[in-house]
Amino acid sequence: METSLTLFSKHHTIILFGKINMLLFIAKWLSLGFGSGKLPHAPGTYGTLVGIPIFLMLADLDLFPYILVCVVLLLIGIWASQVYSDYLGVHDHGSIVWDEVVGYLITMTATPAEWQWIILGFILF
């Protein structure tokens, strides 16, 4: 059975022949927040939790590089989520939580990497 998947625009389609397509795998893995979106009951909350270790890895960056990384992750996430949504045939499936991951990072912009701020950012987001 032949399935088509739009990756970049309606003019660039990749045909899958029952093989795992690496770009689809990457898009799925990212859009699912490294699998957290598949956890039952409130996958968005789990997606936000995935943002915490990513924030801790980025916390030592100066403001401009931090924002730049957030923008890059946002753009990659838009691509990945669109690819996986197209594959599923569902717009904004509940398991797609990359927006929660990046949203948490944006929430934590210019905050110290201290547990009080991490918890407050989690609650506020």
Foldseek 3Di string as FASTA:
>chain_A
DKDWFDQPDPVDIDIDDPDDDPLLVVLVCLQLLNVLLVDPDPSLLSSLVSLLVVCVVCQPDDQVVLVVVLVVLVVSNVRSQRRNCRVVVHPCDSSGRNCSSSVLSVLCRPHHSDPVSSVVSSVVD
